[in-house]
Amino acid sequence: MMKPLFFSLLLILTGCAVPQPGSAPESLPPSSWGRPQIINVSAYDPKERQREGRGYSERDVSALRENGASALIARAGKGGNLDEKCASFVASADRVGMLPGLYYRVQRHVDAVAQADQFVNRAIALARGRSWNAPSLLLCGDFDGDLPLSAILRFMDRVESRTGIVPVAYLENSTQLKQTLSNADAASKAKLRRMPYWLALYAHDSGAGPVYPAPGNPRGLVNQYGVWSNWTMWQYGGVDWQGGRSRPKVYNHGPYRFSPYFGNLDRPTERNVFNGSQADLQSFWQQHGLRLR
């Protein structure tokens, strides 16, 4: 499924009169290294307008699509609380031909199985709530940096037992998580590897400290976790809140050069690149997503 980490600088564009979910119509601009772009959103989105350009809302994400996004992953919930914009975001993404996905932020203060149940219940309700164009709804767990290994594995097991789907694992550049996972026993690591790795790295020099040096690039972060052989998605663009304003924090170093803003959008977004082709993206979405049709 995965391609080697040697990316072309040109996007091979494919299109048709009616775009298929996740496809790249000829009207879309080239995306980074010719790889699919994915936007992730939560109830905090859209952020405030900061410059001239296109806007979007949970009811209309056409600007994301027209700027090259192939997919959108919305937060379904966090620590026992559901996200009120989730349903609107994924329905809007589906209408414009983007692949829809969900993530749930798993926190320590609520039982991991209870959070998994809330996530799965939400996903099933959304899947049954409308007629979809997309074939599947991607499922992801966003694991807080202070979670024990047992909580991560219990969340994974519960999602899989109820849906038959192994969720994607989103992990921040967290010293505690890196220590926890890299020191896991062989059986636990083998189990973790069944979840595709969605990494977060917004700067080459972030994460440096007394335990780990700065990872430098995605490969360096993969090595620090000591579990996966490669990454599947890379969140290269995040957003900080400083002085009452959203501030984009976007990786821009070496061969990986990203603009602070996504295309001609007028505000910051949280952005990701998929480590594969558009065809790989389609297969990945169906393998790790809840069937919609």
Protein backbone atom coordinates (compact mmCIF):
# COMPACT_ATOMS: atom_id res chain seq x y z
CA MET A 1 0.00 0.00 0.00
CA MET A 2 2.75 2.45 0.94
CA LYS A 3 5.19 4.03 -1.48
CA PRO A 4 8.86 4.77 -0.68
CA LEU A 5 9.57 8.23 0.68
CA PHE A 6 10.89 9.60 -2.59
CA PHE A 7 8.34 12.04 -3.91
CA SER A 8 7.97 13.56 -7.36
CA LEU A 9 7.66 17.33 -7.58
CA LEU A 10 4.91 17.10 -10.19
CA LEU A 11 1.30 16.07 -9.57
CA ILE A 12 -0.16 13.60 -12.05
CA LEU A 13 -3.63 14.99 -12.40
CA THR A 14 -6.59 12.78 -13.16
CA GLY A 15 -10.08 14.02 -13.76
CA CYS A 16 -13.49 13.30 -15.14
CA ALA A 17 -16.72 15.16 -15.64
CA VAL A 18 -18.00 14.15 -12.21
CA PRO A 19 -15.15 13.91 -9.67
CA GLN A 20 -14.96 10.74 -7.63
CA PRO A 21 -14.32 11.03 -3.88
CA GLY A 22 -10.64 11.68 -3.26
CA SER A 23 -9.79 12.16 -6.94
CA ALA A 24 -7.73 15.06 -8.24
CA PRO A 25 -9.69 16.98 -10.90
CA GLU A 26 -7.69 18.84 -13.53
CA SER A 27 -8.83 22.16 -12.03
CA LEU A 28 -6.88 21.49 -8.84
CA PRO A 29 -3.41 22.99 -8.35
CA PRO A 30 -0.37 20.74 -7.84
CA SER A 31 -0.08 19.53 -4.25
CA SER A 32 3.13 18.90 -2.34
CA TRP A 33 5.32 16.26 -4.04
CA GLY A 34 2.31 15.14 -6.07
CA ARG A 35 0.80 13.51 -2.96
CA PRO A 36 -2.79 13.81 -1.71
CA GLN A 37 -3.56 16.61 0.71
CA ILE A 38 -5.89 16.06 3.69
CA ILE A 39 -7.47 18.72 5.93
CA ASN A 40 -8.41 17.95 9.52
CA VAL A 41 -10.99 20.06 11.36
CA SER A 42 -12.75 20.37 14.70
CA ALA A 43 -15.34 22.59 16.36
CA TYR A 44 -12.65 25.30 16.46
CA ASP A 45 -12.75 25.53 12.66
CA PRO A 46 -12.86 27.57 10.62
CA LYS A 47 -10.31 29.86 12.24
CA GLU A 48 -10.63 33.65 11.94
CA ARG A 49 -10.03 35.40 8.61
CA GLN A 50 -6.48 36.75 8.32
CA ARG A 51 -5.95 37.82 4.71
CA GLU A 52 -7.66 38.14 1.32
CA GLY A 53 -8.79 34.85 -0.15
CA ARG A 54 -11.32 32.05 -0.02
CA GLY A 55 -13.22 31.10 3.12
CA TYR A 56 -15.08 27.97 4.15
CA SER A 57 -17.48 26.76 6.82
CA GLU A 58 -18.72 23.44 8.14
CA ARG A 59 -21.59 23.73 5.63
CA ASP A 60 -19.43 24.56 2.60
CA VAL A 61 -15.91 23.20 2.15
CA SER A 62 -15.72 23.71 -1.61
CA ALA A 63 -12.76 26.07 -1.15
CA LEU A 64 -10.79 23.25 0.45
CA ARG A 65 -11.56 20.96 -2.46
CA GLU A 66 -10.76 23.58 -5.07
CA ASN A 67 -7.40 24.25 -3.44
CA GLY A 68 -6.37 20.63 -3.78
CA ALA A 69 -7.64 18.74 -0.73
CA SER A 70 -8.59 15.13 -1.44
CA ALA A 71 -10.02 14.32 1.99
CA LEU A 72 -11.27 15.83 5.25
CA ILE A 73 -11.05 14.29 8.72
CA ALA A 74 -13.34 15.84 11.34
CA ARG A 75 -13.10 15.49 15.09
CA ALA A 76 -15.99 13.36 16.36
CA GLY A 77 -15.31 13.87 20.05
CA LYS A 78 -12.80 14.46 22.80
CA GLY A 79 -12.57 12.96 26.26
CA GLY A 80 -16.25 12.02 26.48
CA ASN A 81 -17.68 15.07 24.67
CA LEU A 82 -18.99 15.03 21.11
CA ASP A 83 -18.05 17.68 18.56
CA GLU A 84 -21.10 19.59 17.33
CA LYS A 85 -19.71 20.45 13.85
CA CYS A 86 -18.60 16.95 12.93
CA ALA A 87 -21.70 15.83 11.01
CA SER A 88 -21.86 19.03 8.96
CA PHE A 89 -18.17 18.89 8.06
CA VAL A 90 -18.14 15.30 6.80
CA ALA A 91 -21.41 15.73 4.88
CA SER A 92 -20.07 18.88 3.22
CA ALA A 93 -16.84 17.11 2.31
CA ASP A 94 -18.75 14.24 0.76
CA ARG A 95 -20.89 16.60 -1.33
CA VAL A 96 -17.85 18.13 -3.04
CA GLY A 97 -16.05 14.84 -3.67
CA MET A 98 -13.67 14.72 -0.70
CA LEU A 99 -13.17 11.50 1.22
CA PRO A 100 -14.68 11.88 4.73
CA GLY A 101 -13.05 10.72 7.93
CA LEU A 102 -13.40 10.97 11.71
CA TYR A 103 -10.96 11.18 14.58
CA TYR A 104 -11.51 10.97 18.32
CA ARG A 105 -9.14 12.55 20.83
CA VAL A 106 -8.58 9.97 23.54
CA GLN A 107 -7.84 11.46 26.97
CA ARG A 108 -6.67 9.96 30.23
CA HIS A 109 -9.50 11.11 32.52
CA VAL A 110 -12.17 9.00 30.75
CA ASP A 111 -12.06 5.22 30.30
CA ALA A 112 -10.60 4.33 26.89
CA VAL A 113 -13.33 1.77 26.13
CA ALA A 114 -16.06 4.30 26.95
CA GLN A 115 -14.44 6.78 24.56
CA ALA A 116 -14.15 4.11 21.87
CA ASP A 117 -17.84 3.28 22.27
CA GLN A 118 -18.80 6.94 21.96
CA PHE A 119 -16.65 7.20 18.83
CA VAL A 120 -18.07 4.08 17.20
CA ASN A 121 -21.66 5.04 18.07
CA ARG A 122 -21.10 8.43 16.45
CA ALA A 123 -19.52 6.91 13.34
CA ILE A 124 -22.32 4.39 12.88
CA ALA A 125 -24.99 7.07 13.33
CA LEU A 126 -23.31 9.25 10.71
CA ALA A 127 -22.88 6.33 8.31
CA ARG A 128 -26.58 5.51 8.51
CA GLY A 129 -27.80 9.09 8.57
CA ARG A 130 -27.53 9.97 4.88
CA SER A 131 -26.80 8.65 1.41
CA TRP A 132 -23.06 8.94 0.78
CA ASN A 133 -20.98 9.35 -2.37
CA ALA A 134 -17.79 8.16 -0.67
CA PRO A 135 -17.27 4.43 -0.12
CA SER A 136 -16.07 4.66 3.48
CA LEU A 137 -15.57 6.83 6.57
CA LEU A 138 -12.00 6.72 7.88
CA LEU A 139 -11.62 6.03 11.63
CA CYS A 140 -8.71 7.51 13.61
CA GLY A 141 -7.66 7.69 17.25
CA ASP A 142 -5.86 10.84 18.40
CA PHE A 143 -3.93 9.75 21.49
CA ASP A 144 -3.01 12.32 24.13
CA GLY A 145 0.65 12.50 25.10
CA ASP A 146 0.16 11.24 28.67
CA LEU A 147 -1.79 8.08 27.83
CA PRO A 148 -0.51 4.72 29.06
CA LEU A 149 0.06 2.01 26.48
CA SER A 150 -2.87 0.03 27.88
CA ALA A 151 -5.32 2.85 27.07
CA ILE A 152 -4.12 3.09 23.47
CA LEU A 153 -4.45 -0.65 22.94
CA ARG A 154 -7.85 -0.84 24.68
CA PHE A 155 -9.21 1.94 22.45
CA MET A 156 -7.87 0.18 19.35
CA ASP A 157 -9.23 -3.20 20.41
CA ARG A 158 -12.70 -1.83 21.17
CA VAL A 159 -13.00 0.00 17.85
CA GLU A 160 -11.87 -3.10 15.99
CA SER A 161 -14.13 -5.48 17.93
CA ARG A 162 -17.20 -3.36 17.17
CA THR A 163 -16.45 -2.42 13.56
CA GLY A 164 -13.89 -4.88 12.23
CA ILE A 165 -11.69 -1.87 11.44
CA VAL A 166 -8.24 -1.11 12.81
CA PRO A 167 -8.17 2.68 13.35
CA VAL A 168 -5.35 5.01 12.36
CA ALA A 169 -3.08 6.19 15.22
CA TYR A 170 -2.42 9.95 15.44
CA LEU A 171 0.52 10.76 17.72
CA GLU A 172 2.01 14.14 18.57
CA ASN A 173 5.76 14.69 18.86
CA SER A 174 5.52 13.69 22.53
CA THR A 175 8.52 12.68 24.66
CA GLN A 176 6.34 10.67 27.03
CA LEU A 177 4.56 8.80 24.24
CA LYS A 178 7.84 8.08 22.47
CA GLN A 179 9.28 6.61 25.65
CA THR A 180 6.12 4.60 26.33
CA LEU A 181 5.85 3.12 22.85
CA SER A 182 9.54 2.59 22.14
CA ASN A 183 9.90 0.68 25.43
CA ALA A 184 6.86 -1.54 24.77
CA ASP A 185 7.33 -5.29 24.50
CA ALA A 186 7.53 -6.96 21.10
CA ALA A 187 3.94 -8.22 21.17
CA SER A 188 2.56 -4.75 21.98
CA LYS A 189 4.67 -3.18 19.22
CA ALA A 190 3.38 -5.72 16.72
CA LYS A 191 -0.16 -4.83 17.74
CA LEU A 192 0.50 -1.10 17.48
CA ARG A 193 1.92 -1.53 13.98
CA ARG A 194 -1.48 -2.72 12.78
CA MET A 195 -2.58 0.91 13.18
CA PRO A 196 -1.19 3.13 10.41
CA TYR A 197 0.95 5.93 11.87
CA TRP A 198 -0.31 9.52 11.42
CA LEU A 199 2.51 11.73 12.66
CA ALA A 200 2.57 15.39 13.65
CA LEU A 201 5.69 17.46 12.90
CA TYR A 202 5.43 21.19 12.26
CA ALA A 203 9.14 22.16 12.34
CA HIS A 204 12.42 20.34 11.84
CA ASP A 205 13.73 21.56 15.22
CA SER A 206 10.66 20.83 17.35
CA GLY A 207 10.71 18.20 20.07
CA ALA A 208 14.34 18.67 21.11
CA GLY A 209 15.00 18.02 24.79
CA PRO A 210 17.05 16.09 27.31
CA VAL A 211 15.69 12.73 26.14
CA TYR A 212 15.44 13.09 22.35
CA PRO A 213 17.09 15.43 19.85
CA ALA A 214 14.91 17.25 17.33
CA PRO A 215 13.67 14.61 14.87
CA GLY A 216 14.45 16.84 11.89
CA ASN A 217 12.05 15.22 9.46
CA PRO A 218 9.30 12.57 9.36
CA ARG A 219 11.78 9.72 9.10
CA GLY A 220 13.53 10.94 12.24
CA LEU A 221 10.26 10.98 14.17
CA VAL A 222 9.39 7.47 12.96
CA ASN A 223 12.75 6.28 14.28
CA GLN A 224 12.23 7.94 17.67
CA TYR A 225 8.96 6.09 18.23
CA GLY A 226 10.67 2.81 17.41
CA VAL A 227 7.48 1.04 16.35
CA TRP A 228 6.61 1.68 12.71
CA SER A 229 8.81 1.26 9.65
CA ASN A 230 7.20 4.24 7.93
CA TRP A 231 4.47 6.84 8.29
CA THR A 232 1.12 6.96 6.48
CA MET A 233 -0.02 10.57 7.02
CA TRP A 234 2.00 13.58 8.10
CA GLN A 235 0.37 16.59 9.72
CA TYR A 236 2.84 19.20 8.57
CA GLY A 237 0.56 22.17 9.31
CA GLY A 238 -0.97 22.99 12.67
CA VAL A 239 -2.39 26.09 14.33
CA ASP A 240 -1.37 27.78 17.61
CA TRP A 241 -3.49 30.27 19.56
CA GLN A 242 -1.41 33.27 20.58
CA GLY A 243 -2.50 36.72 21.68
CA GLY A 244 -6.12 36.13 20.73
CA ARG A 245 -5.21 35.05 17.20
CA SER A 246 -4.61 31.81 15.35
CA ARG A 247 -1.03 31.41 14.17
CA PRO A 248 -0.15 28.83 11.52
CA LYS A 249 2.79 26.58 12.38
CA VAL A 250 3.87 24.89 9.17
CA TYR A 251 6.90 22.76 8.35
CA ASN A 252 9.26 24.56 5.99
CA HIS A 253 12.75 23.11 5.88
CA GLY A 254 15.05 21.24 3.54
CA PRO A 255 13.15 19.54 0.71
CA TYR A 256 9.80 19.96 2.50
CA ARG A 257 8.63 23.49 1.81
CA PHE A 258 5.05 24.37 2.71
CA SER A 259 3.27 27.73 2.60
CA PRO A 260 1.80 29.12 5.86
CA TYR A 261 -1.63 29.03 4.20
CA PHE A 262 -3.32 26.35 2.13
CA GLY A 263 -3.63 27.64 -1.43
CA ASN A 264 -5.66 30.85 -1.57
CA LEU A 265 -7.49 30.33 1.73
CA ASP A 266 -7.89 33.41 3.90
CA ARG A 267 -7.22 31.65 7.24
CA PRO A 268 -5.00 28.92 8.75
CA THR A 269 -5.89 25.23 8.45
CA GLU A 270 -4.55 22.00 9.89
CA ARG A 271 -3.08 20.12 6.96
CA ASN A 272 -1.64 16.73 6.13
CA VAL A 273 0.00 14.88 3.28
CA PHE A 274 -0.64 11.20 2.52
CA ASN A 275 2.36 8.96 1.86
CA GLY A 276 1.17 7.44 -1.40
CA SER A 277 -0.75 8.06 -4.61
CA GLN A 278 -4.41 8.91 -5.10
CA ALA A 279 -5.07 5.22 -5.80
CA ASP A 280 -3.27 4.30 -2.57
CA LEU A 281 -5.40 6.83 -0.71
CA GLN A 282 -8.59 5.22 -1.97
CA SER A 283 -7.43 1.76 -0.87
CA PHE A 284 -6.25 3.01 2.51
CA TRP A 285 -9.58 4.78 3.17
CA GLN A 286 -11.52 1.62 2.48
CA GLN A 287 -9.20 -0.62 4.52
CA HIS A 288 -9.40 1.60 7.61
CA GLY A 289 -12.83 3.08 7.14
CA LEU A 290 -16.44 2.20 7.99
CA ARG A 291 -18.31 1.20 4.86
CA LEU A 292 -20.85 3.76 3.65
CA ARG A 293 -22.28 1.97 0.60
